[in-house]
Protein backbone atom coordinates (compact mmCIF):
# COMPACT_ATOMS: atom_id res chain seq x y z
CA MET A 1 22.43 -7.83 30.21
CA LYS A 2 24.34 -4.68 31.12
CA GLU A 3 27.24 -5.69 28.86
CA ASN A 4 24.87 -6.21 25.94
CA SER A 5 23.34 -2.71 26.25
CA GLN A 6 26.79 -1.18 26.53
CA SER A 7 27.95 -2.94 23.42
CA ASN A 8 24.84 -1.73 21.54
CA GLU A 9 25.55 1.86 22.62
CA GLU A 10 29.18 1.48 21.59
CA LYS A 11 28.06 0.26 18.16
CA GLY A 12 25.80 3.29 17.82
CA LEU A 13 22.59 1.28 18.11
CA ASN A 14 20.13 3.52 19.91
CA LEU A 15 17.12 1.29 20.55
CA LYS A 16 15.31 3.55 23.03
CA PHE A 17 12.71 4.56 20.43
CA ILE A 18 11.10 1.13 20.72
CA LYS A 19 10.34 1.67 24.41
CA ASN A 20 9.94 5.43 24.80
CA GLU A 21 8.36 6.61 21.59
CA GLY A 22 5.14 4.63 21.27
CA TYR A 23 3.82 6.95 18.56
CA LEU A 24 6.69 6.13 16.21
CA LEU A 25 5.23 3.03 14.60
CA PRO A 26 1.70 4.43 14.05
CA VAL A 27 3.05 7.59 12.40
CA ALA A 28 5.35 5.57 10.15
CA ILE A 29 2.45 3.32 9.16
CA VAL A 30 0.15 6.29 8.50
CA VAL A 31 2.79 7.87 6.27
CA LEU A 32 3.26 4.54 4.47
CA PHE A 33 -0.49 4.26 3.81
CA VAL A 34 -0.65 7.89 2.68
CA SER A 35 2.17 7.26 0.20
CA ILE A 36 0.38 4.12 -1.04
CA ALA A 37 -2.84 6.11 -1.47
CA MET A 38 -1.03 8.93 -3.27
CA SER A 39 0.80 6.52 -5.57
CA LEU A 40 -2.43 4.68 -6.30
CA SER A 41 -4.30 7.91 -7.09
CA SER A 42 -1.44 9.13 -9.28
CA SER A 43 -1.35 5.81 -11.16
CA LEU A 44 -5.11 5.82 -11.62
CA ILE A 45 -5.06 9.42 -12.87
CA ASN A 46 -2.27 8.60 -15.32
CA SER A 47 -3.96 5.44 -16.57
CA ARG A 48 -7.25 7.31 -16.97
CA PHE A 49 -5.79 10.23 -18.93
CA MET A 50 -3.26 8.26 -20.94
CA PRO A 51 -4.95 5.49 -22.97
CA LYS A 52 -3.44 2.03 -23.13
CA GLU A 53 -2.79 2.34 -26.87
CA HIS A 54 -0.76 5.48 -26.24
CA ARG A 55 1.33 3.76 -23.54
CA GLU A 56 1.89 0.77 -25.82
CA LYS A 57 3.00 3.06 -28.64
CA VAL A 58 5.55 4.70 -26.31
CA LYS A 59 6.84 1.29 -25.20
CA SER A 60 7.08 0.15 -28.82
CA LEU A 61 9.07 3.25 -29.75
CA GLN A 62 11.39 2.72 -26.80
CA ARG A 63 12.00 -0.89 -27.85
CA LYS A 64 12.81 0.28 -31.40
CA ILE A 65 15.16 2.92 -30.01
CA ALA A 66 16.98 0.36 -27.84
CA ALA A 67 17.35 -2.07 -30.77
CA LEU A 68 18.54 0.66 -33.12
CA LYS A 69 21.06 1.91 -30.55
CA ASN A 70 22.52 -1.56 -30.19
CA GLU A 71 22.68 -2.09 -33.95
CA LYS A 72 24.23 1.34 -34.52
CA SER A 73 26.90 0.84 -31.88
CA GLU A 74 27.80 -2.59 -33.31
CA ASN A 75 27.99 -1.12 -36.81
CA MET A 76 30.18 1.74 -35.57
CA LYS A 77 32.57 -0.66 -33.81
CA GLN A 78 32.80 -2.88 -36.86
CA ALA A 79 33.20 0.08 -39.24
CA LYS A 80 36.04 1.55 -37.16
CA SER A 81 37.86 -1.76 -36.81
CA THR A 82 37.59 -2.64 -40.53
CA ASP A 83 37.60 0.91 -41.99
CA ASP A 84 34.41 0.08 -43.91
CA LYS A 85 33.02 3.33 -45.35
CA LYS A 86 29.65 1.79 -46.30
CA LEU A 87 29.09 0.51 -42.81
CA LEU A 88 30.08 3.89 -41.38
CA LYS A 89 27.50 5.62 -43.60
CA LYS A 90 24.90 3.09 -42.51
CA ALA A 91 25.70 3.83 -38.87
CA GLN A 92 25.36 7.57 -39.53
CA LYS A 93 21.94 7.00 -41.13
CA GLN A 94 20.97 4.95 -38.12
CA GLU A 95 22.00 7.89 -35.92
CA LYS A 96 19.58 10.14 -37.81
CA GLN A 97 16.81 7.53 -37.51
CA LEU A 98 17.57 7.24 -33.83
CA LEU A 99 17.18 10.99 -33.30
CA GLN A 100 13.85 10.94 -35.14
CA LEU A 101 12.56 8.05 -33.06
CA GLN A 102 13.73 9.73 -29.85
CA SER A 103 11.92 12.95 -30.73
CA GLN A 104 8.74 10.98 -31.46
CA ALA A 105 9.03 9.16 -28.13
CA LEU A 106 9.62 12.44 -26.30
CA SER A 107 6.61 14.00 -27.99
CA LEU A 108 4.40 11.07 -27.01
CA SER A 109 5.66 10.80 -23.44
CA SER A 110 5.37 14.56 -22.88
CA LYS A 111 1.59 14.15 -23.16
CA GLN A 112 1.79 12.36 -19.82
CA PHE A 113 2.78 15.67 -18.20
CA ARG A 114 -0.72 17.01 -18.85
CA VAL A 115 -1.87 15.25 -15.67
CA PHE A 116 0.99 16.65 -13.60
CA PRO A 117 -1.01 19.66 -12.28
CA ILE A 118 -3.81 17.34 -11.12
CA THR A 119 -1.36 15.06 -9.33
CA MET A 120 0.40 18.03 -7.71
CA ALA A 121 -2.91 19.48 -6.48
CA VAL A 122 -3.76 16.16 -4.83
CA PHE A 123 -0.27 16.02 -3.33
CA PHE A 124 -0.53 19.54 -1.84
CA ILE A 125 -3.90 18.74 -0.27
CA VAL A 126 -2.62 15.51 1.27
CA TRP A 127 0.61 17.16 2.40
CA LEU A 128 -1.43 19.95 4.04
CA LEU A 129 -3.50 17.38 5.94
CA LEU A 130 -0.41 15.44 6.94
CA THR A 131 1.83 18.31 8.04
CA GLY A 132 -0.43 21.31 8.57
CA ASN A 133 1.78 23.28 6.18
CA LEU A 134 1.08 24.47 2.68
CA LEU A 135 4.46 25.29 1.16
CA PHE A 136 5.94 27.56 3.87
CA LEU A 137 2.66 28.68 5.41
CA LYS A 138 1.75 26.93 8.66
CA LEU A 139 -2.03 26.59 8.86
CA PHE A 140 -2.46 24.26 11.86
CA ASP A 141 -0.56 21.91 14.15
CA SER A 142 -0.37 18.35 12.94
CA PRO A 143 0.08 15.34 15.22
CA PHE A 144 2.45 13.83 12.65
CA VAL A 145 5.04 16.59 12.70
CA GLY A 146 7.47 17.08 15.52
CA PRO A 147 11.14 17.28 16.34
CA ASP A 148 11.46 13.51 16.67
CA PRO A 149 12.12 11.17 13.74
CA VAL A 150 9.19 9.33 12.23
CA ALA A 151 11.09 6.16 11.30
CA TYR A 152 14.54 4.64 11.52
CA LEU A 153 16.61 2.70 9.03
CA PRO A 154 19.53 0.43 9.83
CA TRP A 155 22.69 2.10 8.60
CA LEU A 156 26.40 1.41 8.41
CA ASP A 157 27.22 2.89 11.78
CA GLY A 158 23.96 2.38 13.64
CA ILE A 159 20.44 3.56 13.09
CA PHE A 160 19.59 6.40 10.70
CA PRO A 161 16.66 8.59 11.83
CA LEU A 162 14.20 9.70 9.12
CA THR A 163 12.08 12.82 9.19
CA LEU A 164 8.49 12.83 7.96
CA PHE A 165 9.56 14.08 4.53
CA ASN A 166 12.39 11.54 4.15
CA TRP A 167 10.17 8.62 5.18
CA TYR A 168 7.37 9.78 2.85
CA PHE A 169 9.88 10.17 0.01
CA ILE A 170 11.23 6.62 0.44
CA CYS A 171 7.74 5.11 0.74
CA SER A 172 6.49 7.13 -2.21
CA ILE A 173 9.29 6.03 -4.54
CA LEU A 174 8.78 2.39 -3.59
CA CYS A 175 4.99 2.49 -3.92
CA SER A 176 4.89 4.52 -7.13
CA THR A 177 7.42 2.22 -8.78
CA LEU A 178 5.48 -0.89 -7.84
CA LEU A 179 2.07 0.51 -8.77
CA SER A 180 3.24 1.97 -12.06
CA ARG A 181 4.58 -1.47 -12.98
CA ILE A 182 1.29 -3.09 -11.94
CA PHE A 183 -0.75 -0.60 -14.00
CA GLY A 184 1.68 -0.83 -16.93
CA LEU A 185 2.54 2.86 -16.78
CA THR A 186 6.31 2.51 -16.92
CA GLY A 187 8.03 3.38 -20.12
CA GLY A 188 10.74 0.77 -19.71
CA THR A 189 11.05 -2.24 -21.89
CA ASP A 190 10.17 -5.62 -20.49
């Protein structure tokens, strides 16, 4: 048993948090649920303020852009290899069409940023309740913030400790990606 613990310490595996820091798991779970709630509220706000027809139009434009990019690049390759002037002109026209479509898609997707202030206000309120801080102003002591890590990730040379912000950031990216796919809010093509 002693040899096993020595080998873990030599490998950089510090497993004392499981025994000594009983608050670690509850804080990590609270932060996970907060990030799920924030991602859900953000997705609901976006789906409420951005109609389905609008999202479908953006997706349609992005599909057209992807198809036109592929066609243009194939035409350019073929025109360069065969020195075909007609095909080169066609590829240049496609470039102009591509720029027009991209500007339309940007115009449509920029309407989604109208809800950004609402989402940020919700984030600041939740962050205040979670940390006791609003930007750099400390308003109260929070039980979730301390010098100790909130969660750990396995890493190349042992265990990587995560602060409250890092753990929230990882959970938030994961949850917002999943929920935006569920609600059909992603702009990517399927």
